[in-house]
């Protein structure tokens, strides 16, 4: 029965994510923020709410592996999502449409993951007010990085041709005002938070019932499920031909997820959460770094000639994902 409840919670998460993406697109269109900022900040933060509630709940019940594995596994899966959609929409060359400014968020996410990987290696069990020093450092560099990014210039974007007809179902929310979209966005976010809490508790039960272990369940089963909002958000953003919203939601979510480590650390009462986590998370964190480097290359390279040349890095990302998954499973 636990699997049935888990699937129902996942379905609620997907439904809420569809609504979030639609309302975020309205806010992007009718405000001065634009697709990149709405994707990187608003939509990325909202679609990361399942990770927030899942990791906090896991910390409260004392399961460090689910709390940490959910974060690293979600980031791994998010980059996998980006690569899959980049291949699926290869003729549109998604990452060539995206703003150069996304390299800033990609670099920040890469740097924060390196810090977390270092903390996993060192296993520093020192904390301040119940929060590990390592996660405090990650939180501090997140704040500095976001402050710097907000002040960096963003190159002008080339206009893209609309991909959806005006009467498309995806544009059904376009008649809403910013205020109406904001209220509905907040309600959908609350629904996602509730579903994320359920996923954490049910995932802990699945780890016990199946014997797979909290590390694997947290890094893959729960991480993939809590990343469903990002997958849905990217799909809808691409249907809306909003490449910056799609890329920004993934890269922004990966940055925001690193902050969750500090929040989970606060709820985990048996020491620093990173030092209590399994060494298997080193594999996943290393995979995230390798995939992030490939995404960064894809954002920085110039125009590509053939589709084969364009899709090669995305295919490598898929290979890294499956390799990391296998190594974590046999760890």
Protein backbone atom coordinates (compact mmCIF):
# COMPACT_ATOMS: atom_id res chain seq x y z
CA UNK A 1 0.00 0.00 0.00
CA UNK A 2 2.94 2.31 0.66
CA UNK A 3 3.78 2.29 -3.06
CA UNK A 4 0.21 3.33 -3.94
CA UNK A 5 0.39 6.30 -1.58
CA UNK A 6 3.82 7.19 -2.97
CA UNK A 7 2.46 7.23 -6.54
CA UNK A 8 -0.52 9.37 -5.45
CA UNK A 9 1.81 11.88 -3.79
CA UNK A 10 3.92 11.97 -6.96
CA UNK A 11 0.79 12.59 -9.07
CA UNK A 12 -0.22 15.52 -6.85
CA UNK A 13 3.31 16.90 -7.24
CA UNK A 14 3.08 16.77 -11.04
CA UNK A 15 -0.37 18.41 -11.06
CA UNK A 16 0.84 21.27 -8.85
CA UNK A 17 3.98 21.67 -11.00
CA UNK A 18 1.90 22.11 -14.15
CA UNK A 19 -0.02 24.90 -12.45
CA UNK A 20 3.17 26.49 -11.13
CA UNK A 21 4.70 26.63 -14.61
CA UNK A 22 1.60 28.19 -16.15
CA UNK A 23 1.35 30.88 -13.49
CA UNK A 24 5.10 31.56 -13.63
CA UNK A 25 4.80 32.14 -17.38
CA UNK A 26 2.06 34.73 -16.74
CA UNK A 27 4.28 36.49 -14.20
CA UNK A 28 7.20 36.32 -16.65
CA UNK A 29 5.12 37.89 -19.43
CA UNK A 30 3.36 40.59 -17.41
CA UNK A 31 6.16 41.75 -15.13
CA UNK A 32 9.55 43.34 -15.69
CA UNK A 33 11.40 40.27 -14.39
CA UNK A 34 11.58 38.30 -17.64
CA UNK A 35 11.95 34.58 -18.25
CA UNK A 36 15.45 34.18 -16.87
CA UNK A 37 14.80 35.84 -13.49
CA UNK A 38 11.39 34.20 -13.03
CA UNK A 39 12.90 30.83 -13.95
CA UNK A 40 16.03 31.21 -11.81
CA UNK A 41 14.35 32.65 -8.73
CA UNK A 42 10.58 32.26 -8.56
CA UNK A 43 9.91 29.04 -10.50
CA UNK A 44 13.15 27.34 -9.40
CA UNK A 45 12.40 28.04 -5.74
CA UNK A 46 8.82 26.83 -6.02
CA UNK A 47 9.65 23.63 -7.91
CA UNK A 48 12.30 22.90 -5.26
CA UNK A 49 9.67 22.92 -2.50
CA UNK A 50 9.28 19.11 -2.62
CA UNK A 51 13.02 18.82 -1.96
CA UNK A 52 12.69 21.31 0.92
CA UNK A 53 9.88 19.48 2.70
CA UNK A 54 11.34 16.05 1.92
CA UNK A 55 14.80 16.85 3.30
CA UNK A 56 13.42 18.64 6.36
CA UNK A 57 11.09 15.75 7.12
CA UNK A 58 13.95 13.27 6.64
CA UNK A 59 16.10 15.29 9.04
CA UNK A 60 13.34 15.33 11.66
CA UNK A 61 12.96 11.54 11.53
CA UNK A 62 16.77 11.20 11.72
CA UNK A 63 17.40 9.86 8.19
CA UNK A 64 20.48 11.76 7.02
CA UNK A 65 20.86 9.67 3.86
CA UNK A 66 17.43 10.62 2.52
CA UNK A 67 17.95 14.27 3.53
CA UNK A 68 21.29 14.51 1.71
CA UNK A 69 20.59 12.01 -1.08
CA UNK A 70 17.43 13.87 -2.04
CA UNK A 71 19.44 17.04 -2.68
CA UNK A 72 22.31 15.52 -4.67
CA UNK A 73 20.05 13.05 -6.46
CA UNK A 74 17.63 15.82 -7.44
CA UNK A 75 20.45 17.93 -8.86
CA UNK A 76 21.73 14.92 -10.81
CA UNK A 77 18.25 14.20 -12.15
CA UNK A 78 17.62 17.87 -12.98
CA UNK A 79 20.66 17.99 -15.26
CA UNK A 80 19.55 14.68 -16.76
CA UNK A 81 16.17 16.29 -17.50
CA UNK A 82 17.85 19.23 -19.20
CA UNK A 83 19.92 16.89 -21.38
CA UNK A 84 16.90 14.77 -22.33
CA UNK A 85 14.86 17.78 -23.42
CA UNK A 86 17.87 19.28 -25.17
CA UNK A 87 18.16 16.11 -27.27
CA UNK A 88 14.40 15.88 -27.82
CA UNK A 89 14.27 19.51 -29.00
CA UNK A 90 17.68 19.39 -30.69
CA UNK A 91 16.48 21.14 -33.84
CA UNK A 92 15.59 24.18 -31.76
CA UNK A 93 19.01 24.11 -30.03
CA UNK A 94 17.67 25.02 -26.60
CA UNK A 95 20.96 26.00 -24.97
CA UNK A 96 21.95 28.20 -27.92
CA UNK A 97 18.72 30.16 -27.40
CA UNK A 98 19.36 30.60 -23.68
CA UNK A 99 20.89 33.78 -22.31
CA UNK A 100 24.65 33.83 -21.73
CA UNK A 101 23.82 34.99 -18.19
CA UNK A 102 22.86 31.41 -17.30
CA UNK A 103 26.59 30.66 -17.18
CA UNK A 104 26.70 32.65 -13.94
CA UNK A 105 24.14 30.42 -12.24
CA UNK A 106 25.79 27.31 -13.72
CA UNK A 107 29.14 28.37 -12.23
CA UNK A 108 27.61 29.10 -8.83
CA UNK A 109 25.86 25.72 -8.76
CA UNK A 110 29.12 24.00 -9.73
CA UNK A 111 31.07 25.82 -6.99
CA UNK A 112 28.49 25.00 -4.29
CA UNK A 113 28.54 21.33 -5.29
CA UNK A 114 32.35 21.26 -5.05
CA UNK A 115 32.05 22.70 -1.52
CA UNK A 116 29.52 20.00 -0.59
CA UNK A 117 31.68 17.24 -2.09
CA UNK A 118 34.66 18.50 -0.08
CA UNK A 119 32.52 18.44 3.07
CA UNK A 120 31.50 14.84 2.36
CA UNK A 121 35.17 13.85 2.06
CA UNK A 122 36.29 15.69 5.21
CA UNK A 123 33.31 14.58 7.37
CA UNK A 124 33.50 17.65 9.62
CA UNK A 125 31.20 16.99 12.57
CA UNK A 126 31.31 20.55 13.95
CA UNK A 127 28.24 22.72 14.21
CA UNK A 128 26.98 26.12 15.35
CA UNK A 129 23.52 26.22 16.93
CA UNK A 130 22.84 22.76 15.57
CA UNK A 131 23.86 23.57 11.99
CA UNK A 132 27.06 22.09 10.54
CA UNK A 133 29.88 24.51 9.72
CA UNK A 134 30.10 23.01 6.23
CA UNK A 135 26.47 23.76 5.37
CA UNK A 136 26.79 27.25 6.88
CA UNK A 137 29.69 27.90 4.48
CA UNK A 138 27.59 26.64 1.57
CA UNK A 139 24.73 28.93 2.63
CA UNK A 140 27.09 31.89 2.93
CA UNK A 141 28.55 31.40 -0.55
CA UNK A 142 25.03 30.95 -1.95
CA UNK A 143 24.04 34.36 -0.58
CA UNK A 144 27.23 35.99 -1.89
CA UNK A 145 26.88 34.31 -5.28
CA UNK A 146 23.25 35.34 -5.75
CA UNK A 147 24.08 38.91 -4.73
CA UNK A 148 26.87 39.04 -7.32
CA UNK A 149 24.72 37.45 -10.05
CA UNK A 150 21.93 39.97 -9.48
CA UNK A 151 24.40 42.76 -10.24
CA UNK A 152 25.99 41.23 -13.33
CA UNK A 153 24.91 42.51 -16.76
CA UNK A 154 22.73 40.24 -18.87
CA UNK A 155 23.22 40.32 -22.65
CA UNK A 156 20.17 41.17 -24.77
CA UNK A 157 18.19 38.17 -25.99
CA UNK A 158 17.32 37.42 -29.56
CA UNK A 159 13.56 37.25 -30.04
CA UNK A 160 12.24 33.73 -30.60
CA UNK A 161 9.33 32.77 -32.79
CA UNK A 162 6.24 31.73 -30.83
CA UNK A 163 5.86 27.98 -30.58
CA UNK A 164 2.27 27.90 -29.40
CA UNK A 165 -0.86 29.23 -30.99
CA UNK A 166 -2.64 32.00 -29.06
CA UNK A 167 -5.49 29.65 -28.19
CA UNK A 168 -3.17 26.84 -27.04
CA UNK A 169 -4.19 25.16 -23.75
CA UNK A 170 -0.78 26.08 -22.38
CA UNK A 171 -1.71 29.75 -22.72
CA UNK A 172 -5.07 29.24 -21.01
CA UNK A 173 -3.91 31.18 -17.95
CA UNK A 174 -2.80 34.23 -19.96
CA UNK A 175 -5.96 36.20 -19.10
CA UNK A 176 -5.00 36.27 -15.43
CA UNK A 177 -3.60 39.41 -13.83
CA UNK A 178 -0.22 39.32 -12.07
CA UNK A 179 -2.02 39.39 -8.69
CA UNK A 180 -4.29 36.49 -9.62
CA UNK A 181 -1.37 34.50 -10.99
CA UNK A 182 0.65 35.22 -7.85
CA UNK A 183 -2.11 33.99 -5.51
CA UNK A 184 -2.65 30.80 -7.52
CA UNK A 185 1.12 30.30 -7.74
CA UNK A 186 1.31 30.44 -3.92
CA UNK A 187 -1.55 27.93 -3.51
CA UNK A 188 0.11 25.50 -5.94
CA UNK A 189 3.37 25.90 -4.01
CA UNK A 190 1.62 24.96 -0.74
CA UNK A 191 0.19 21.86 -2.43
CA UNK A 192 3.68 20.86 -3.56
CA UNK A 193 5.01 21.30 -0.01
CA UNK A 194 2.38 18.93 1.37
CA UNK A 195 3.13 16.33 -1.30
CA UNK A 196 6.87 16.61 -0.62
CA UNK A 197 6.37 15.86 3.07
CA UNK A 198 4.38 12.76 2.17
CA UNK A 199 7.09 11.61 -0.24
CA UNK A 200 9.74 11.80 2.49
CA UNK A 201 7.81 9.73 5.03
CA UNK A 202 6.71 7.19 2.40
CA UNK A 203 10.25 6.96 0.99
CA UNK A 204 11.59 6.11 4.43
CA UNK A 205 9.05 3.29 4.64
CA UNK A 206 9.97 2.04 1.17
CA UNK A 207 13.65 1.91 2.16
CA UNK A 208 12.72 -0.33 5.10
CA UNK A 209 10.28 -2.53 3.19
CA UNK A 210 12.48 -3.13 0.14
CA UNK A 211 15.85 -3.24 1.89
CA UNK A 212 17.39 -1.04 -0.82
CA UNK A 213 18.78 1.38 1.75
CA UNK A 214 18.08 5.03 2.43
CA UNK A 215 21.03 6.25 0.34
CA UNK A 216 19.80 4.67 -2.89
CA UNK A 217 16.13 5.44 -2.23
CA UNK A 218 16.92 9.05 -1.35
CA UNK A 219 19.30 9.63 -4.26
CA UNK A 220 17.13 8.09 -6.96
CA UNK A 221 13.56 7.13 -6.12
CA UNK A 222 12.70 10.17 -3.99
CA UNK A 223 15.07 12.50 -5.85
CA UNK A 224 13.55 11.64 -9.22
CA UNK A 225 10.04 12.04 -7.83
CA UNK A 226 10.69 15.40 -6.17
CA UNK A 227 12.29 16.54 -9.44
CA UNK A 228 9.08 15.91 -11.38
CA UNK A 229 8.06 19.58 -10.98
CA UNK A 230 11.28 20.63 -12.74
CA UNK A 231 10.63 18.15 -15.55
CA UNK A 232 7.09 19.41 -16.02
CA UNK A 233 8.23 23.03 -15.78
CA UNK A 234 10.84 22.55 -18.50
CA UNK A 235 8.36 20.77 -20.77
CA UNK A 236 5.74 23.50 -20.43
CA UNK A 237 8.34 26.28 -20.76
CA UNK A 238 9.51 24.71 -24.03
CA UNK A 239 5.93 24.48 -25.30
CA UNK A 240 5.71 28.18 -24.54
CA UNK A 241 9.01 28.65 -26.43
CA UNK A 242 10.51 30.20 -23.30
CA UNK A 243 14.05 28.76 -23.32
CA UNK A 244 15.25 31.03 -20.52
CA UNK A 245 12.43 29.93 -18.23
CA UNK A 246 13.29 26.28 -18.98
CA UNK A 247 17.05 26.57 -18.42
CA UNK A 248 16.66 29.00 -15.52
CA UNK A 249 14.28 26.70 -13.65
CA UNK A 250 16.78 23.82 -13.80
CA UNK A 251 19.96 25.74 -12.97
CA UNK A 252 18.20 27.89 -10.38
CA UNK A 253 16.68 24.81 -8.76
CA UNK A 254 20.11 23.18 -8.48
CA UNK A 255 21.47 26.25 -6.70
CA UNK A 256 18.46 26.50 -4.40
CA UNK A 257 18.72 22.79 -3.57
CA UNK A 258 22.15 23.36 -2.06
CA UNK A 259 20.58 25.74 0.47
CA UNK A 260 18.28 22.88 1.49
CA UNK A 261 21.34 21.13 2.97
CA UNK A 262 21.57 23.86 5.63
CA UNK A 263 17.83 23.69 6.35
CA UNK A 264 17.96 19.88 6.59
CA UNK A 265 21.00 20.23 8.88
CA UNK A 266 18.93 22.41 11.19
CA UNK A 267 16.19 19.77 11.43
CA UNK A 268 18.68 16.90 11.87
CA UNK A 269 19.50 16.65 15.58
CA UNK A 270 22.27 14.01 15.59
CA UNK A 271 25.18 16.20 14.46
CA UNK A 272 26.18 17.66 11.10
CA UNK A 273 24.02 16.07 8.43
CA UNK A 274 26.77 15.83 5.77
CA UNK A 275 29.14 14.03 8.14
CA UNK A 276 26.38 11.54 9.04
CA UNK A 277 25.54 10.75 5.41
CA UNK A 278 26.79 7.66 3.58
CA UNK A 279 29.95 7.80 1.48
CA UNK A 280 27.82 6.76 -1.51
CA UNK A 281 26.78 10.39 -1.88
CA UNK A 282 30.32 11.19 -3.03
CA UNK A 283 29.53 9.29 -6.23
CA UNK A 284 26.37 11.29 -6.87
CA UNK A 285 28.01 14.64 -6.04
CA UNK A 286 30.89 13.81 -8.41
CA UNK A 287 28.36 12.97 -11.12
CA UNK A 288 26.63 16.33 -10.59
CA UNK A 289 29.96 18.13 -11.00
CA UNK A 290 30.81 16.25 -14.22
CA UNK A 291 27.35 16.97 -15.67
CA UNK A 292 27.44 20.62 -14.58
CA UNK A 293 30.77 21.08 -16.37
CA UNK A 294 29.22 19.72 -19.57
CA UNK A 295 26.21 22.07 -19.23
CA UNK A 296 28.57 24.97 -18.65
CA UNK A 297 30.46 24.05 -21.83
CA UNK A 298 27.17 23.89 -23.74
CA UNK A 299 26.24 27.38 -22.55
CA UNK A 300 29.65 28.89 -23.32
CA UNK A 301 30.28 27.38 -26.77
CA UNK A 302 29.33 29.27 -29.88
CA UNK A 303 26.97 28.28 -32.65
CA UNK A 304 27.31 24.65 -33.70
CA UNK A 305 27.14 23.30 -37.22
CA UNK A 306 25.61 19.83 -37.30
CA UNK A 307 23.01 18.42 -34.91
CA UNK A 308 25.43 15.61 -34.02
CA UNK A 309 27.98 18.15 -32.78
CA UNK A 310 25.28 20.00 -30.86
CA UNK A 311 23.88 16.92 -29.08
CA UNK A 312 27.21 15.22 -28.22
CA UNK A 313 27.60 16.89 -24.76
CA UNK A 314 23.97 16.09 -23.88
CA UNK A 315 24.56 12.43 -24.73
CA UNK A 316 27.64 12.47 -22.46
CA UNK A 317 25.44 13.84 -19.66
CA UNK A 318 23.11 10.87 -20.05
CA UNK A 319 26.09 8.48 -19.86
CA UNK A 320 27.33 10.16 -16.66
CA UNK A 321 23.87 9.89 -15.12
CA UNK A 322 23.51 6.17 -15.78
CA UNK A 323 27.09 5.49 -14.68
CA UNK A 324 26.59 7.33 -11.38
CA UNK A 325 23.29 5.49 -10.87
CA UNK A 326 24.92 2.10 -11.36
CA UNK A 327 27.92 2.88 -9.13
CA UNK A 328 25.64 4.09 -6.36
CA UNK A 329 23.50 0.97 -6.64
CA UNK A 330 26.46 -1.41 -6.25
CA UNK A 331 28.22 0.71 -3.57
